Amino acid sequence: MIKLDDYDCKLLDRVSNKLNLKIDIKVIDYEFYIKGEDLLSVVDELYDEIGHLEERIEDIEQDRDDNYRPIPKEQQI
């Protein structure tokens, strides 16, 4: 078990809300803990999300390159 401070708990709560992910944090004697496997699972989810975002960025860039062209200076106002 890994002991978490207040900042860690708030960060994991924000990640949980952003990814719609259940994170199992245990409270023992008024202190917060998370299992190492659960923390690695969160990291894995974040890694997957980064991959999805990279794909979306590539798709948007490709769409931009395929569908938009710069306006020649002569035609600019």
N, C-alpha and C. Protein backbone atom coordinates (compact mmCIF):
# COMPACT_ATOMS: atom_id res chain seq x y z
N MET A 1 0.84 -1.18 0.00
CA MET A 1 0.00 0.00 0.00
C MET A 1 0.89 1.25 0.00
N ILE A 2 0.43 2.22 -0.73
CA ILE A 2 1.16 3.48 -0.85
C ILE A 2 0.36 4.56 -0.12
N LYS A 3 1.03 5.25 0.78
CA LYS A 3 0.37 6.31 1.54
C LYS A 3 0.24 7.55 0.67
N LEU A 4 -0.93 8.17 0.71
CA LEU A 4 -1.21 9.37 -0.07
C LEU A 4 -1.38 10.57 0.85
N ASP A 5 -0.87 11.71 0.43
CA ASP A 5 -1.16 12.94 1.18
C ASP A 5 -2.38 13.61 0.56
N ASP A 6 -2.78 14.74 1.10
CA ASP A 6 -3.98 15.43 0.62
C ASP A 6 -3.87 15.80 -0.86
N TYR A 7 -2.71 16.29 -1.26
CA TYR A 7 -2.52 16.67 -2.67
C TYR A 7 -2.72 15.47 -3.59
N ASP A 8 -2.11 14.33 -3.21
CA ASP A 8 -2.25 13.11 -4.01
C ASP A 8 -3.71 12.70 -4.15
N CYS A 9 -4.45 12.77 -3.05
CA CYS A 9 -5.87 12.41 -3.09
C CYS A 9 -6.66 13.33 -4.01
N LYS A 10 -6.39 14.63 -3.93
CA LYS A 10 -7.10 15.58 -4.78
C LYS A 10 -6.75 15.36 -6.25
N LEU A 11 -5.49 15.08 -6.52
CA LEU A 11 -5.05 14.82 -7.89
C LEU A 11 -5.74 13.57 -8.44
N LEU A 12 -5.75 12.50 -7.65
CA LEU A 12 -6.40 11.26 -8.08
C LEU A 12 -7.91 11.47 -8.24
N ASP A 13 -8.49 12.31 -7.43
CA ASP A 13 -9.92 12.61 -7.56
C ASP A 13 -10.19 13.34 -8.87
N ARG A 14 -9.32 14.30 -9.23
CA ARG A 14 -9.49 15.02 -10.50
C ARG A 14 -9.33 14.07 -11.68
N VAL A 15 -8.33 13.18 -11.60
CA VAL A 15 -8.13 12.20 -12.66
C VAL A 15 -9.34 11.29 -12.76
N SER A 16 -9.84 10.86 -11.62
CA SER A 16 -11.02 9.99 -11.58
C SER A 16 -12.21 10.65 -12.26
N ASN A 17 -12.45 11.91 -11.96
CA ASN A 17 -13.57 12.64 -12.56
C ASN A 17 -13.36 12.87 -14.05
N LYS A 18 -12.16 13.22 -14.44
CA LYS A 18 -11.86 13.53 -15.84
C LYS A 18 -12.01 12.29 -16.73
N LEU A 19 -11.57 11.14 -16.22
CA LEU A 19 -11.61 9.91 -17.02
C LEU A 19 -12.82 9.04 -16.71
N ASN A 20 -13.68 9.53 -15.79
CA ASN A 20 -14.82 8.73 -15.36
C ASN A 20 -14.35 7.35 -14.91
N LEU A 21 -13.41 7.35 -13.97
CA LEU A 21 -12.71 6.15 -13.53
C LEU A 21 -12.88 5.99 -12.02
N LYS A 22 -13.16 4.79 -11.58
CA LYS A 22 -13.26 4.50 -10.14
C LYS A 22 -11.87 4.17 -9.63
N ILE A 23 -11.39 4.94 -8.67
CA ILE A 23 -10.09 4.70 -8.05
C ILE A 23 -10.33 4.29 -6.61
N ASP A 24 -9.80 3.13 -6.25
CA ASP A 24 -10.03 2.56 -4.92
C ASP A 24 -8.98 3.09 -3.93
N ILE A 25 -9.36 4.11 -3.17
CA ILE A 25 -8.49 4.67 -2.14
C ILE A 25 -9.03 4.21 -0.78
N LYS A 26 -8.16 3.62 0.00
CA LYS A 26 -8.53 3.11 1.32
C LYS A 26 -8.21 4.16 2.40
N VAL A 27 -9.07 4.26 3.39
CA VAL A 27 -8.83 5.12 4.54
C VAL A 27 -8.56 4.21 5.73
N ILE A 28 -7.35 4.33 6.28
CA ILE A 28 -6.95 3.52 7.43
C ILE A 28 -6.39 4.48 8.48
N ASP A 29 -7.03 4.50 9.64
CA ASP A 29 -6.60 5.40 10.74
C ASP A 29 -6.46 6.84 10.25
N TYR A 30 -7.46 7.32 9.53
CA TYR A 30 -7.52 8.70 9.04
C TYR A 30 -6.41 9.04 8.05
N GLU A 31 -5.79 8.03 7.45
CA GLU A 31 -4.78 8.25 6.42
C GLU A 31 -5.23 7.53 5.15
N PHE A 32 -4.83 8.07 4.01
CA PHE A 32 -5.27 7.54 2.72
C PHE A 32 -4.19 6.65 2.11
N TYR A 33 -4.65 5.52 1.53
CA TYR A 33 -3.73 4.57 0.91
C TYR A 33 -4.32 4.06 -0.40
N ILE A 34 -3.42 3.67 -1.29
CA ILE A 34 -3.82 3.03 -2.54
C ILE A 34 -2.88 1.86 -2.79
N LYS A 35 -3.42 0.79 -3.36
CA LYS A 35 -2.58 -0.36 -3.72
C LYS A 35 -1.72 0.02 -4.92
N GLY A 36 -0.54 -0.54 -4.98
CA GLY A 36 0.36 -0.29 -6.10
C GLY A 36 -0.26 -0.67 -7.43
N GLU A 37 -0.98 -1.81 -7.47
CA GLU A 37 -1.63 -2.25 -8.71
C GLU A 37 -2.69 -1.25 -9.16
N ASP A 38 -3.42 -0.69 -8.18
CA ASP A 38 -4.46 0.30 -8.52
C ASP A 38 -3.84 1.57 -9.08
N LEU A 39 -2.73 1.98 -8.51
CA LEU A 39 -2.04 3.17 -9.01
C LEU A 39 -1.51 2.93 -10.43
N LEU A 40 -0.96 1.74 -10.66
CA LEU A 40 -0.49 1.40 -12.00
C LEU A 40 -1.65 1.35 -13.00
N SER A 41 -2.80 0.91 -12.54
CA SER A 41 -3.98 0.89 -13.39
C SER A 41 -4.37 2.31 -13.81
N VAL A 42 -4.29 3.25 -12.88
CA VAL A 42 -4.58 4.66 -13.18
C VAL A 42 -3.57 5.18 -14.21
N VAL A 43 -2.30 4.86 -14.02
CA VAL A 43 -1.27 5.29 -14.97
C VAL A 43 -1.55 4.69 -16.35
N ASP A 44 -1.95 3.43 -16.40
CA ASP A 44 -2.28 2.78 -17.66
C ASP A 44 -3.45 3.48 -18.35
N GLU A 45 -4.48 3.84 -17.59
CA GLU A 45 -5.62 4.57 -18.15
C GLU A 45 -5.20 5.92 -18.71
N LEU A 46 -4.33 6.61 -17.98
CA LEU A 46 -3.83 7.91 -18.46
C LEU A 46 -3.02 7.73 -19.75
N TYR A 47 -2.22 6.67 -19.81
CA TYR A 47 -1.43 6.40 -21.01
C TYR A 47 -2.34 6.14 -22.20
N ASP A 48 -3.40 5.36 -21.99
CA ASP A 48 -4.37 5.10 -23.05
C ASP A 48 -5.05 6.39 -23.51
N GLU A 49 -5.41 7.24 -22.56
CA GLU A 49 -6.05 8.52 -22.89
C GLU A 49 -5.12 9.40 -23.72
N ILE A 50 -3.84 9.42 -23.36
CA ILE A 50 -2.86 10.18 -24.13
C ILE A 50 -2.80 9.65 -25.57
N GLY A 51 -2.82 8.33 -25.72
CA GLY A 51 -2.82 7.73 -27.05
C GLY A 51 -4.02 8.16 -27.87
N HIS A 52 -5.20 8.17 -27.24
CA HIS A 52 -6.41 8.61 -27.94
C HIS A 52 -6.31 10.07 -28.35
N LEU A 53 -5.79 10.90 -27.46
CA LEU A 53 -5.64 12.33 -27.77
C LEU A 53 -4.64 12.55 -28.90
N GLU A 54 -3.55 11.78 -28.90
CA GLU A 54 -2.58 11.89 -29.99
C GLU A 54 -3.22 11.52 -31.33
N GLU A 55 -4.04 10.47 -31.34
CA GLU A 55 -4.74 10.08 -32.56
C GLU A 55 -5.68 11.19 -33.03
N ARG A 56 -6.42 11.80 -32.09
CA ARG A 56 -7.32 12.89 -32.45
C ARG A 56 -6.56 14.07 -33.04
N ILE A 57 -5.43 14.39 -32.44
CA ILE A 57 -4.61 15.50 -32.94
C ILE A 57 -4.13 15.19 -34.36
N GLU A 58 -3.67 13.95 -34.59
CA GLU A 58 -3.23 13.57 -35.93
C GLU A 58 -4.37 13.67 -36.93
N ASP A 59 -5.57 13.22 -36.54
CA ASP A 59 -6.73 13.30 -37.43
C ASP A 59 -7.08 14.75 -37.76
N ILE A 60 -7.04 15.61 -36.75
CA ILE A 60 -7.35 17.03 -36.97
C ILE A 60 -6.29 17.66 -37.88
N GLU A 61 -5.02 17.34 -37.65
CA GLU A 61 -3.97 17.88 -38.51
C GLU A 61 -4.12 17.40 -39.95
N GLN A 62 -4.46 16.13 -40.11
CA GLN A 62 -4.65 15.58 -41.46
C GLN A 62 -5.84 16.24 -42.13
N ASP A 63 -6.92 16.43 -41.38
CA ASP A 63 -8.10 17.11 -41.92
C ASP A 63 -7.74 18.53 -42.34
N ARG A 64 -6.99 19.21 -41.52
CA ARG A 64 -6.55 20.58 -41.85
C ARG A 64 -5.72 20.56 -43.13
N ASP A 65 -4.77 19.64 -43.20
CA ASP A 65 -3.90 19.58 -44.38
C ASP A 65 -4.67 19.21 -45.64
N ASP A 66 -5.69 18.35 -45.51
CA ASP A 66 -6.46 17.90 -46.67
C ASP A 66 -7.49 18.93 -47.13
N ASN A 67 -8.03 19.72 -46.22
CA ASN A 67 -9.19 20.53 -46.55
C ASN A 67 -8.99 22.04 -46.53
N TYR A 68 -7.89 22.49 -46.02
CA TYR A 68 -7.70 23.94 -45.92
C TYR A 68 -6.38 24.32 -46.58
N ARG A 69 -6.44 25.39 -47.32
CA ARG A 69 -5.23 25.87 -47.96
C ARG A 69 -5.06 27.34 -47.60
N PRO A 70 -3.83 27.79 -47.55
CA PRO A 70 -3.63 29.21 -47.22
C PRO A 70 -4.17 30.12 -48.32
N ILE A 71 -4.63 31.27 -47.94
CA ILE A 71 -5.12 32.26 -48.89
C ILE A 71 -3.91 33.01 -49.43
N PRO A 72 -3.78 33.04 -50.77
CA PRO A 72 -2.64 33.78 -51.32
C PRO A 72 -2.69 35.25 -50.90
N LYS A 73 -1.51 35.86 -50.79
CA LYS A 73 -1.44 37.25 -50.32
C LYS A 73 -2.24 38.20 -51.21
N GLU A 74 -2.31 37.90 -52.50
CA GLU A 74 -3.05 38.77 -53.42
C GLU A 74 -4.54 38.82 -53.07
N GLN A 75 -5.05 37.72 -52.52
CA GLN A 75 -6.47 37.62 -52.22
C GLN A 75 -6.81 38.07 -50.79
N GLN A 76 -5.80 38.30 -49.98
CA GLN A 76 -6.05 38.74 -48.62
C GLN A 76 -6.42 40.21 -48.61
N ILE A 77 -7.27 40.58 -47.69
CA ILE A 77 -7.69 41.98 -47.60
C ILE A 77 -6.71 42.75 -46.75
